[in-house]
């Protein structure tokens, strides 16, 4: 829902009739994952995507029919279909889409996303019932649950970068491109500047543990510690480990990382908590320049978020 929320909100506010097409299940070689969405208006506007572009025309036509009929429809495209070959499903792929008119529950879902209030958008693929339930869903990715398609409505993932060093500059650009809300923290005002971090959502000049006091740090949060200085690293790690942040990483060599863990362990922090720290930080992509290092960090953050090794 988040990928099309701005267009959906705009078109609904203008009184447009809008249909939503959602990928609800895939098998084999599918170009877009479950939860991918295309929105279509009766006047012909489109936003989002449910494939690599080749089935959008067919989905558009079905969306127009759904708007005329006023009820949802399950659309299946499989390997035997000519459209499936064009969409890149020729290797045994199959995709199911639920196409429905936008209604009051979708407006409630938009409100939940805009306010950052966790909720679950659930759609019955047999009856067409749509409901929004408040609360934190126990899962992050959209899923098919028998006759229901369930989509967690959670706030955008956020990244807190501790240390406004040179690696942080490309990292904050990449994170923004990936849809993260980015906060840069550094106690040194000459480093933490808008000129160096033009697309950061927040720039905080403060010690790491002081800066994080007022932040919401949950499983959608990534805390990236780049200071490489124990007087910054250790307070940041102590605070991070007391949160439920989904990712905690700290830059430094293997020796530096081992020394940090030893200090924290001597303070009574349990191994299961220390194992949450990724250090040395990031995937080793081979390069040593700032941009490649930042890419490796972002890759690890995303992999951890989606449960990949």
C-alpha atoms as a PDB file:
ATOM      1  CA  UNK A   1       0.000   0.000   0.000  1.00  0.00           C
ATOM      2  CA  UNK A   2       2.810   2.396   0.861  1.00  0.00           C
ATOM      3  CA  UNK A   3       4.193   2.442  -2.705  1.00  0.00           C
ATOM      4  CA  UNK A   4       0.959   3.920  -4.084  1.00  0.00           C
ATOM      5  CA  UNK A   5      -0.352   5.789  -1.041  1.00  0.00           C
ATOM      6  CA  UNK A   6       0.300   9.314  -2.320  1.00  0.00           C
ATOM      7  CA  UNK A   7      -1.514   8.727  -5.623  1.00  0.00           C
ATOM      8  CA  UNK A   8      -4.332   6.821  -3.948  1.00  0.00           C
ATOM      9  CA  UNK A   9      -4.875   9.579  -1.389  1.00  0.00           C
ATOM     10  CA  UNK A  10      -4.792  12.279  -4.069  1.00  0.00           C
ATOM     11  CA  UNK A  11      -7.222  10.542  -6.394  1.00  0.00           C
ATOM     12  CA  UNK A  12      -9.688   9.636  -3.651  1.00  0.00           C
ATOM     13  CA  UNK A  13      -9.646  13.215  -2.371  1.00  0.00           C
ATOM     14  CA  UNK A  14     -10.474  14.383  -5.895  1.00  0.00           C
ATOM     15  CA  UNK A  15     -13.533  12.105  -5.952  1.00  0.00           C
ATOM     16  CA  UNK A  16     -12.099   9.661  -8.471  1.00  0.00           C
ATOM     17  CA  UNK A  17     -13.361   6.104  -8.684  1.00  0.00           C
ATOM     18  CA  UNK A  18     -10.309   3.966  -7.943  1.00  0.00           C
ATOM     19  CA  UNK A  19      -9.622   0.251  -8.274  1.00  0.00           C
ATOM     20  CA  UNK A  20      -6.757  -1.556  -6.561  1.00  0.00           C
ATOM     21  CA  UNK A  21      -5.085  -4.616  -8.071  1.00  0.00           C
ATOM     22  CA  UNK A  22      -2.942  -6.524  -5.566  1.00  0.00           C
ATOM     23  CA  UNK A  23      -0.645  -9.512  -6.076  1.00  0.00           C
ATOM     24  CA  UNK A  24      -1.979 -11.960  -3.490  1.00  0.00           C
ATOM     25  CA  UNK A  25      -0.052 -15.101  -4.384  1.00  0.00           C
ATOM     26  CA  UNK A  26       2.796 -16.166  -6.638  1.00  0.00           C
ATOM     27  CA  UNK A  27       4.407 -19.432  -7.660  1.00  0.00           C
ATOM     28  CA  UNK A  28       7.602 -20.031  -9.580  1.00  0.00           C
ATOM     29  CA  UNK A  29       9.125 -17.195 -11.580  1.00  0.00           C
ATOM     30  CA  UNK A  30       7.060 -14.136 -10.711  1.00  0.00           C
ATOM     31  CA  UNK A  31       8.262 -10.610 -11.521  1.00  0.00           C
ATOM     32  CA  UNK A  32       6.679  -8.927  -8.460  1.00  0.00           C
ATOM     33  CA  UNK A  33       6.156 -10.202  -4.884  1.00  0.00           C
ATOM     34  CA  UNK A  34       2.896 -10.579  -2.989  1.00  0.00           C
ATOM     35  CA  UNK A  35       1.603  -7.206  -1.875  1.00  0.00           C
ATOM     36  CA  UNK A  36       2.670  -5.388  -5.048  1.00  0.00           C
ATOM     37  CA  UNK A  37      -0.131  -3.095  -6.102  1.00  0.00           C
ATOM     38  CA  UNK A  38      -1.444  -1.215  -9.114  1.00  0.00           C
ATOM     39  CA  UNK A  39      -4.074   1.497  -8.679  1.00  0.00           C
ATOM     40  CA  UNK A  40      -6.289   2.518 -11.567  1.00  0.00           C
ATOM     41  CA  UNK A  41      -8.892   5.265 -11.844  1.00  0.00           C
ATOM     42  CA  UNK A  42     -12.033   5.222 -13.954  1.00  0.00           C
ATOM     43  CA  UNK A  43     -10.588   8.207 -15.811  1.00  0.00           C
ATOM     44  CA  UNK A  44      -7.507   6.187 -16.829  1.00  0.00           C
ATOM     45  CA  UNK A  45      -4.795   7.170 -14.369  1.00  0.00           C
ATOM     46  CA  UNK A  46      -2.404   4.463 -13.141  1.00  0.00           C
ATOM     47  CA  UNK A  47       0.248   4.128 -10.451  1.00  0.00           C
ATOM     48  CA  UNK A  48       2.290   1.224  -9.104  1.00  0.00           C
ATOM     49  CA  UNK A  49       2.985  -2.125 -10.730  1.00  0.00           C
ATOM     50  CA  UNK A  50       2.033  -5.795 -10.460  1.00  0.00           C
ATOM     51  CA  UNK A  51       4.488  -7.143 -13.044  1.00  0.00           C
ATOM     52  CA  UNK A  52       7.378  -5.957 -15.169  1.00  0.00           C
ATOM     53  CA  UNK A  53       4.839  -3.972 -17.188  1.00  0.00           C
ATOM     54  CA  UNK A  54       3.510  -6.586 -19.567  1.00  0.00           C
ATOM     55  CA  UNK A  55       0.243  -7.514 -17.825  1.00  0.00           C
ATOM     56  CA  UNK A  56      -0.664  -4.014 -16.673  1.00  0.00           C
ATOM     57  CA  UNK A  57      -2.792  -3.495 -19.779  1.00  0.00           C
ATOM     58  CA  UNK A  58      -4.910  -6.559 -19.055  1.00  0.00           C
ATOM     59  CA  UNK A  59      -5.190  -5.657 -15.379  1.00  0.00           C
ATOM     60  CA  UNK A  60      -6.264  -2.147 -16.348  1.00  0.00           C
ATOM     61  CA  UNK A  61      -9.176  -3.561 -18.354  1.00  0.00           C
ATOM     62  CA  UNK A  62     -10.258  -5.816 -15.486  1.00  0.00           C
ATOM     63  CA  UNK A  63     -10.031  -2.871 -13.098  1.00  0.00           C
ATOM     64  CA  UNK A  64     -12.424  -0.880 -15.267  1.00  0.00           C
ATOM     65  CA  UNK A  65     -14.880  -3.779 -15.234  1.00  0.00           C
ATOM     66  CA  UNK A  66     -14.586  -4.084 -11.454  1.00  0.00           C
ATOM     67  CA  UNK A  67     -15.353  -0.396 -11.031  1.00  0.00           C
ATOM     68  CA  UNK A  68     -18.467  -0.789 -13.165  1.00  0.00           C
ATOM     69  CA  UNK A  69     -19.582  -3.931 -11.294  1.00  0.00           C
ATOM     70  CA  UNK A  70     -18.738  -2.568  -7.856  1.00  0.00           C
ATOM     71  CA  UNK A  71     -17.256  -5.796  -6.502  1.00  0.00           C
ATOM     72  CA  UNK A  72     -13.884  -7.499  -6.328  1.00  0.00           C
ATOM     73  CA  UNK A  73     -12.577 -10.229  -8.582  1.00  0.00           C
ATOM     74  CA  UNK A  74      -9.731 -12.750  -8.382  1.00  0.00           C
ATOM     75  CA  UNK A  75      -7.597 -12.752 -11.523  1.00  0.00           C
ATOM     76  CA  UNK A  76      -5.253 -15.647 -12.278  1.00  0.00           C
ATOM     77  CA  UNK A  77      -2.444 -15.594 -14.833  1.00  0.00           C
ATOM     78  CA  UNK A  78      -0.490 -18.816 -15.309  1.00  0.00           C
ATOM     79  CA  UNK A  79       2.125 -20.394 -17.516  1.00  0.00           C
ATOM     80  CA  UNK A  80      -0.388 -21.418 -20.148  1.00  0.00           C
ATOM     81  CA  UNK A  81      -1.487 -17.858 -20.793  1.00  0.00           C
ATOM     82  CA  UNK A  82       0.065 -15.812 -23.581  1.00  0.00           C
ATOM     83  CA  UNK A  83       0.218 -12.866 -21.188  1.00  0.00           C
ATOM     84  CA  UNK A  84       2.202 -14.973 -18.755  1.00  0.00           C
ATOM     85  CA  UNK A  85       4.975 -15.499 -21.312  1.00  0.00           C
ATOM     86  CA  UNK A  86       5.126 -11.783 -22.022  1.00  0.00           C
ATOM     87  CA  UNK A  87       5.299 -11.042 -18.292  1.00  0.00           C
ATOM     88  CA  UNK A  88       8.252 -13.320 -17.752  1.00  0.00           C
ATOM     89  CA  UNK A  89       6.335 -16.245 -16.235  1.00  0.00           C
ATOM     90  CA  UNK A  90       7.322 -18.790 -18.864  1.00  0.00           C
ATOM     91  CA  UNK A  91       9.478 -20.789 -16.427  1.00  0.00           C
ATOM     92  CA  UNK A  92       6.517 -22.160 -14.539  1.00  0.00           C
ATOM     93  CA  UNK A  93       5.328 -18.916 -12.972  1.00  0.00           C
ATOM     94  CA  UNK A  94       1.818 -18.226 -11.771  1.00  0.00           C
ATOM     95  CA  UNK A  95       0.343 -15.072 -10.290  1.00  0.00           C
ATOM     96  CA  UNK A  96      -2.987 -14.297  -8.623  1.00  0.00           C
ATOM     97  CA  UNK A  97      -4.305 -10.779  -8.286  1.00  0.00           C
ATOM     98  CA  UNK A  98      -7.235  -9.420  -6.333  1.00  0.00           C
ATOM     99  CA  UNK A  99      -8.865  -6.487  -8.128  1.00  0.00           C
ATOM    100  CA  UNK A 100     -11.332  -4.425  -6.092  1.00  0.00           C
ATOM    101  CA  UNK A 101     -12.893  -0.969  -5.830  1.00  0.00           C
ATOM    102  CA  UNK A 102     -11.310   1.267  -3.203  1.00  0.00           C
ATOM    103  CA  UNK A 103     -13.576   1.772  -0.216  1.00  0.00           C
ATOM    104  CA  UNK A 104     -13.729   3.211   3.318  1.00  0.00           C
ATOM    105  CA  UNK A 105     -11.383   0.559   4.721  1.00  0.00           C
ATOM    106  CA  UNK A 106      -8.697   1.550   2.245  1.00  0.00           C
ATOM    107  CA  UNK A 107      -9.028   5.143   3.434  1.00  0.00           C
ATOM    108  CA  UNK A 108      -8.546   3.876   6.999  1.00  0.00           C
ATOM    109  CA  UNK A 109      -5.481   1.961   5.848  1.00  0.00           C
ATOM    110  CA  UNK A 110      -4.047   5.150   4.354  1.00  0.00           C
ATOM    111  CA  UNK A 111      -4.662   6.981   7.622  1.00  0.00           C
ATOM    112  CA  UNK A 112      -2.812   4.260   9.541  1.00  0.00           C
ATOM    113  CA  UNK A 113       0.186   4.562   7.214  1.00  0.00           C
ATOM    114  CA  UNK A 114       0.192   8.353   7.339  1.00  0.00           C
ATOM    115  CA  UNK A 115       0.025   8.505  11.128  1.00  0.00           C
ATOM    116  CA  UNK A 116       2.431   5.619  11.688  1.00  0.00           C
ATOM    117  CA  UNK A 117      -0.198   3.684  13.649  1.00  0.00           C
ATOM    118  CA  UNK A 118       0.494  -0.070  13.233  1.00  0.00           C
ATOM    119  CA  UNK A 119      -2.452  -1.975  11.799  1.00  0.00           C
ATOM    120  CA  UNK A 120      -3.395  -4.937   9.616  1.00  0.00           C
ATOM    121  CA  UNK A 121      -5.295  -4.625   6.339  1.00  0.00           C
ATOM    122  CA  UNK A 122      -7.135  -7.903   5.697  1.00  0.00           C
ATOM    123  CA  UNK A 123      -9.120  -8.734   2.555  1.00  0.00           C
ATOM    124  CA  UNK A 124     -11.334 -11.786   2.101  1.00  0.00           C
ATOM    125  CA  UNK A 125     -10.733 -13.089  -1.426  1.00  0.00           C
ATOM    126  CA  UNK A 126     -14.065 -14.922  -1.495  1.00  0.00           C
ATOM    127  CA  UNK A 127     -16.526 -12.421  -0.041  1.00  0.00           C
ATOM    128  CA  UNK A 128     -14.610  -9.217  -0.740  1.00  0.00           C
ATOM    129  CA  UNK A 129     -14.814  -8.119   2.904  1.00  0.00           C
ATOM    130  CA  UNK A 130     -12.115  -5.638   3.862  1.00  0.00           C
ATOM    131  CA  UNK A 131     -11.155  -4.775   7.424  1.00  0.00           C
ATOM    132  CA  UNK A 132      -8.462  -2.823   9.226  1.00  0.00           C
ATOM    133  CA  UNK A 133      -7.399  -4.026  12.656  1.00  0.00           C
ATOM    134  CA  UNK A 134      -5.296  -1.785  14.898  1.00  0.00           C
ATOM    135  CA  UNK A 135      -2.200  -3.186  16.573  1.00  0.00           C
ATOM    136  CA  UNK A 136       1.254  -4.466  15.774  1.00  0.00           C
ATOM    137  CA  UNK A 137       1.105  -7.393  13.316  1.00  0.00           C
ATOM    138  CA  UNK A 138       3.389 -10.315  14.233  1.00  0.00           C
ATOM    139  CA  UNK A 139       4.821 -10.359  10.694  1.00  0.00           C
ATOM    140  CA  UNK A 140       6.199  -7.729   8.321  1.00  0.00           C
ATOM    141  CA  UNK A 141       5.559  -9.015   4.795  1.00  0.00           C
ATOM    142  CA  UNK A 142       2.111  -9.399   3.154  1.00  0.00           C
ATOM    143  CA  UNK A 143       0.838 -12.985   3.109  1.00  0.00           C
ATOM    144  CA  UNK A 144      -2.002 -15.229   1.961  1.00  0.00           C
ATOM    145  CA  UNK A 145      -3.819 -16.830   4.901  1.00  0.00           C
ATOM    146  CA  UNK A 146      -6.375 -19.241   3.406  1.00  0.00           C
ATOM    147  CA  UNK A 147      -9.208 -17.039   2.080  1.00  0.00           C
ATOM    148  CA  UNK A 148      -7.669 -13.872   3.500  1.00  0.00           C
ATOM    149  CA  UNK A 149      -4.876 -11.683   2.200  1.00  0.00           C
ATOM    150  CA  UNK A 150      -3.178  -9.899   5.073  1.00  0.00           C
ATOM    151  CA  UNK A 151      -0.998  -6.835   4.717  1.00  0.00           C
ATOM    152  CA  UNK A 152       0.813  -5.306   7.709  1.00  0.00           C
ATOM    153  CA  UNK A 153       0.532  -1.537   7.814  1.00  0.00           C
ATOM    154  CA  UNK A 154       3.681  -0.477   9.600  1.00  0.00           C
ATOM    155  CA  UNK A 155       5.581   2.763   9.623  1.00  0.00           C
ATOM    156  CA  UNK A 156       8.355   3.194   7.094  1.00  0.00           C
ATOM    157  CA  UNK A 157      11.604   1.517   8.155  1.00  0.00           C
ATOM    158  CA  UNK A 158      14.002   3.930   9.787  1.00  0.00           C
ATOM    159  CA  UNK A 159      17.762   4.081   9.954  1.00  0.00           C
ATOM    160  CA  UNK A 160      19.692   5.859  12.679  1.00  0.00           C
ATOM    161  CA  UNK A 161      23.265   6.562  11.575  1.00  0.00           C
ATOM    162  CA  UNK A 162      25.555   7.224  14.501  1.00  0.00           C
ATOM    163  CA  UNK A 163      28.642   9.051  13.254  1.00  0.00           C
ATOM    164  CA  UNK A 164      28.562  11.584  10.418  1.00  0.00           C
ATOM    165  CA  UNK A 165      31.713  10.238   8.758  1.00  0.00           C
ATOM    166  CA  UNK A 166      32.388   9.968   5.015  1.00  0.00           C
ATOM    167  CA  UNK A 167      30.754   6.499   4.716  1.00  0.00           C
ATOM    168  CA  UNK A 168      27.566   7.910   6.201  1.00  0.00           C
ATOM    169  CA  UNK A 169      27.125  10.276   3.255  1.00  0.00           C
ATOM    170  CA  UNK A 170      26.521   7.650   0.519  1.00  0.00           C
ATOM    171  CA  UNK A 171      24.755   5.431   3.064  1.00  0.00           C
ATOM    172  CA  UNK A 172      22.132   8.048   3.847  1.00  0.00           C
ATOM    173  CA  UNK A 173      21.479   8.513   0.110  1.00  0.00           C
ATOM    174  CA  UNK A 174      21.068   4.756  -0.448  1.00  0.00           C
ATOM    175  CA  UNK A 175      18.822   4.356   2.588  1.00  0.00           C
ATOM    176  CA  UNK A 176      16.540   7.157   1.383  1.00  0.00           C
ATOM    177  CA  UNK A 177      16.344   5.525  -2.041  1.00  0.00           C
ATOM    178  CA  UNK A 178      15.290   2.309  -0.292  1.00  0.00           C
ATOM    179  CA  UNK A 179      12.431   4.104   1.455  1.00  0.00           C
ATOM    180  CA  UNK A 180      13.980   4.509   4.893  1.00  0.00           C
ATOM    181  CA  UNK A 181      13.468   7.475   7.172  1.00  0.00           C
ATOM    182  CA  UNK A 182      17.036   8.548   7.971  1.00  0.00           C
ATOM    183  CA  UNK A 183      18.389  10.218  11.098  1.00  0.00           C
ATOM    184  CA  UNK A 184      22.063  11.216  11.324  1.00  0.00           C
ATOM    185  CA  UNK A 185      23.522  11.642  14.816  1.00  0.00           C
ATOM    186  CA  UNK A 186      26.895  13.099  15.778  1.00  0.00           C
ATOM    187  CA  UNK A 187      28.080  15.148  18.739  1.00  0.00           C
ATOM    188  CA  UNK A 188      30.401  17.088  16.400  1.00  0.00           C
ATOM    189  CA  UNK A 189      28.456  19.928  14.819  1.00  0.00           C
ATOM    190  CA  UNK A 190      31.008  20.430  12.046  1.00  0.00           C
ATOM    191  CA  UNK A 191      30.294  16.904  10.764  1.00  0.00           C
ATOM    192  CA  UNK A 192      26.523  16.710  11.195  1.00  0.00           C
ATOM    193  CA  UNK A 193      25.463  19.375   8.703  1.00  0.00           C
ATOM    194  CA  UNK A 194      22.719  19.720   6.103  1.00  0.00           C
ATOM    195  CA  UNK A 195      25.369  20.360   3.447  1.00  0.00           C
ATOM    196  CA  UNK A 196      26.881  16.919   4.051  1.00  0.00           C
ATOM    197  CA  UNK A 197      23.538  15.137   4.506  1.00  0.00           C
ATOM    198  CA  UNK A 198      21.076  16.906   2.215  1.00  0.00           C
ATOM    199  CA  UNK A 199      18.391  14.178   2.124  1.00  0.00           C
ATOM    200  CA  UNK A 200      18.446  13.147   5.792  1.00  0.00           C
ATOM    201  CA  UNK A 201      15.068  13.469   7.508  1.00  0.00           C
ATOM    202  CA  UNK A 202      16.672  14.464  10.790  1.00  0.00           C
ATOM    203  CA  UNK A 203      20.147  15.650  11.804  1.00  0.00           C
ATOM    204  CA  UNK A 204      20.837  15.548  15.535  1.00  0.00           C
ATOM    205  CA  UNK A 205      23.900  17.091  17.153  1.00  0.00           C
ATOM    206  CA  UNK A 206      24.166  15.183  20.428  1.00  0.00           C
ATOM    207  CA  UNK A 207      25.815  12.220  22.091  1.00  0.00           C
ATOM    208  CA  UNK A 208      24.373   8.960  20.716  1.00  0.00           C
ATOM    209  CA  UNK A 209      22.598   7.767  23.865  1.00  0.00           C
ATOM    210  CA  UNK A 210      21.118  11.237  24.479  1.00  0.00           C
ATOM    211  CA  UNK A 211      19.977  11.512  20.862  1.00  0.00           C
ATOM    212  CA  UNK A 212      18.235   8.126  20.896  1.00  0.00           C
ATOM    213  CA  UNK A 213      16.315   8.793  24.120  1.00  0.00           C
ATOM    214  CA  UNK A 214      13.264  10.146  22.344  1.00  0.00           C
ATOM    215  CA  UNK A 215      13.322   7.846  19.315  1.00  0.00           C
ATOM    216  CA  UNK A 216      10.959   4.984  18.578  1.00  0.00           C
ATOM    217  CA  UNK A 217      13.301   2.049  17.969  1.00  0.00           C
ATOM    218  CA  UNK A 218      11.528  -1.154  17.016  1.00  0.00           C
ATOM    219  CA  UNK A 219      12.016  -4.089  14.672  1.00  0.00           C
ATOM    220  CA  UNK A 220      11.699  -1.761  11.655  1.00  0.00           C
ATOM    221  CA  UNK A 221      14.679   0.246  12.930  1.00  0.00           C
ATOM    222  CA  UNK A 222      18.291  -0.128  11.839  1.00  0.00           C
ATOM    223  CA  UNK A 223      20.950   1.377  14.098  1.00  0.00           C
ATOM    224  CA  UNK A 224      24.210   1.838  12.192  1.00  0.00           C
ATOM    225  CA  UNK A 225      27.168   2.882  14.340  1.00  0.00           C
ATOM    226  CA  UNK A 226      30.022   4.371  12.310  1.00  0.00           C
ATOM    227  CA  UNK A 227      31.900   6.407  14.920  1.00  0.00           C
ATOM    228  CA  UNK A 228      34.775   3.920  15.434  1.00  0.00           C
ATOM    229  CA  UNK A 229      35.463   5.500  18.813  1.00  0.00           C
ATOM    230  CA  UNK A 230      34.651   3.698  22.062  1.00  0.00           C
ATOM    231  CA  UNK A 231      33.417   6.838  23.802  1.00  0.00           C
ATOM    232  CA  UNK A 232      30.672   7.010  21.145  1.00  0.00           C
ATOM    233  CA  UNK A 233      30.360   3.332  20.171  1.00  0.00           C
ATOM    234  CA  UNK A 234      29.798   1.822  23.604  1.00  0.00           C
ATOM    235  CA  UNK A 235      27.049   4.203  24.802  1.00  0.00           C
ATOM    236  CA  UNK A 236      25.293   3.764  21.458  1.00  0.00           C
ATOM    237  CA  UNK A 237      25.528  -0.038  21.641  1.00  0.00           C
ATOM    238  CA  UNK A 238      24.292  -0.136  25.236  1.00  0.00           C
ATOM    239  CA  UNK A 239      21.254   1.917  24.289  1.00  0.00           C
ATOM    240  CA  UNK A 240      20.630  -0.046  21.088  1.00  0.00           C
ATOM    241  CA  UNK A 241      20.711  -3.390  22.901  1.00  0.00           C
ATOM    242  CA  UNK A 242      18.041  -2.145  25.303  1.00  0.00           C
ATOM    243  CA  UNK A 243      15.743  -1.485  22.344  1.00  0.00           C
ATOM    244  CA  UNK A 244      13.952  -3.909  20.023  1.00  0.00           C
ATOM    245  CA  UNK A 245      15.757  -2.561  16.946  1.00  0.00           C
ATOM    246  CA  UNK A 246      15.737  -5.093  14.137  1.00  0.00           C
ATOM    247  CA  UNK A 247      19.311  -4.345  13.101  1.00  0.00           C
ATOM    248  CA  UNK A 248      22.335  -3.196  15.088  1.00  0.00           C
ATOM    249  CA  UNK A 249      25.708  -2.842  13.377  1.00  0.00           C
ATOM    250  CA  UNK A 250      29.018  -1.237  14.312  1.00  0.00           C
ATOM    251  CA  UNK A 251      31.972  -0.433  12.068  1.00  0.00           C
ATOM    252  CA  UNK A 252      35.483  -1.613  12.916  1.00  0.00           C
ATOM    253  CA  UNK A 253      37.940  -4.429  12.364  1.00  0.00           C
ATOM    254  CA  UNK A 254      37.440  -7.906  13.782  1.00  0.00           C
ATOM    255  CA  UNK A 255      39.816  -7.027  16.609  1.00  0.00           C
ATOM    256  CA  UNK A 256      37.934  -3.821  17.402  1.00  0.00           C
ATOM    257  CA  UNK A 257      34.632  -5.688  17.294  1.00  0.00           C
ATOM    258  CA  UNK A 258      35.945  -8.396  19.608  1.00  0.00           C
ATOM    259  CA  UNK A 259      37.218  -5.802  22.069  1.00  0.00           C
ATOM    260  CA  UNK A 260      33.837  -4.053  22.118  1.00  0.00           C
ATOM    261  CA  UNK A 261      32.041  -7.323  22.788  1.00  0.00           C
ATOM    262  CA  UNK A 262      34.458  -8.122  25.596  1.00  0.00           C
ATOM    263  CA  UNK A 263      33.770  -4.801  27.306  1.00  0.00           C
ATOM    264  CA  UNK A 264      30.002  -5.217  26.994  1.00  0.00           C
ATOM    265  CA  UNK A 265      30.182  -8.817  28.222  1.00  0.00           C
ATOM    266  CA  UNK A 266      32.185  -7.660  31.264  1.00  0.00           C
ATOM    267  CA  UNK A 267      29.267  -5.372  32.085  1.00  0.00           C
ATOM    268  CA  UNK A 268      26.947  -8.354  32.302  1.00  0.00           C
ATOM    269  CA  UNK A 269      25.322  -8.154  28.866  1.00  0.00           C
ATOM    270  CA  UNK A 270      24.277 -11.661  27.801  1.00  0.00           C
ATOM    271  CA  UNK A 271      25.667 -13.441  24.736  1.00  0.00           C
ATOM    272  CA  UNK A 272      22.230 -13.690  23.110  1.00  0.00           C
ATOM    273  CA  UNK A 273      22.076  -9.888  23.176  1.00  0.00           C
ATOM    274  CA  UNK A 274      25.649  -9.432  21.994  1.00  0.00           C
ATOM    275  CA  UNK A 275      24.877 -11.742  19.062  1.00  0.00           C
ATOM    276  CA  UNK A 276      22.497  -9.062  17.777  1.00  0.00           C
ATOM    277  CA  UNK A 277      25.460  -6.838  16.923  1.00  0.00           C
ATOM    278  CA  UNK A 278      26.762  -7.091  13.354  1.00  0.00           C
ATOM    279  CA  UNK A 279      30.445  -6.316  13.548  1.00  0.00           C
ATOM    280  CA  UNK A 280      32.423  -5.853  11.437  1.00  0.00           C
ATOM    281  CA  UNK A 281      29.421  -4.184   9.868  1.00  0.00           C
ATOM    282  CA  UNK A 282      28.038  -4.933   6.394  1.00  0.00           C
ATOM    283  CA  UNK A 283      28.536  -7.509   3.679  1.00  0.00           C
ATOM    284  CA  UNK A 284      32.046  -7.727   2.278  1.00  0.00           C
ATOM    285  CA  UNK A 285      31.615  -6.756  -1.378  1.00  0.00           C
ATOM    286  CA  UNK A 286      35.347  -6.535  -2.014  1.00  0.00           C
ATOM    287  CA  UNK A 287      35.700  -2.792  -2.479  1.00  0.00           C
ATOM    288  CA  UNK A 288      37.022  -0.467   0.210  1.00  0.00           C
ATOM    289  CA  UNK A 289      35.743   2.894  -0.998  1.00  0.00           C
ATOM    290  CA  UNK A 290      32.993   4.694   0.929  1.00  0.00           C
ATOM    291  CA  UNK A 291      30.287   3.976  -1.637  1.00  0.00           C
ATOM    292  CA  UNK A 292      30.940   0.223  -1.758  1.00  0.00           C
ATOM    293  CA  UNK A 293      31.140   0.014   2.031  1.00  0.00           C
ATOM    294  CA  UNK A 294      27.846   1.876   2.312  1.00  0.00           C
ATOM    295  CA  UNK A 295      26.269  -0.481  -0.218  1.00  0.00           C
ATOM    296  CA  UNK A 296      27.494  -3.483   1.779  1.00  0.00           C
ATOM    297  CA  UNK A 297      25.984  -2.051   4.961  1.00  0.00           C
ATOM    298  CA  UNK A 298      22.651  -1.373   3.273  1.00  0.00           C
ATOM    299  CA  UNK A 299      22.626  -4.869   1.769  1.00  0.00           C
ATOM    300  CA  UNK A 300      23.113  -6.416   5.201  1.00  0.00           C
ATOM    301  CA  UNK A 301      20.416  -4.214   6.740  1.00  0.00           C
ATOM    302  CA  UNK A 302      17.909  -5.310   4.090  1.00  0.00           C
ATOM    303  CA  UNK A 303      18.906  -8.977   4.339  1.00  0.00           C
ATOM    304  CA  UNK A 304      18.404  -8.966   8.108  1.00  0.00           C
ATOM    305  CA  UNK A 305      15.094  -7.172   7.753  1.00  0.00           C
ATOM    306  CA  UNK A 306      13.730  -9.884   5.494  1.00  0.00           C
ATOM    307  CA  UNK A 307      15.243 -12.793   7.364  1.00  0.00           C
ATOM    308  CA  UNK A 308      17.993 -13.725   4.910  1.00  0.00           C
ATOM    309  CA  UNK A 309      21.385 -15.015   6.041  1.00  0.00           C
END
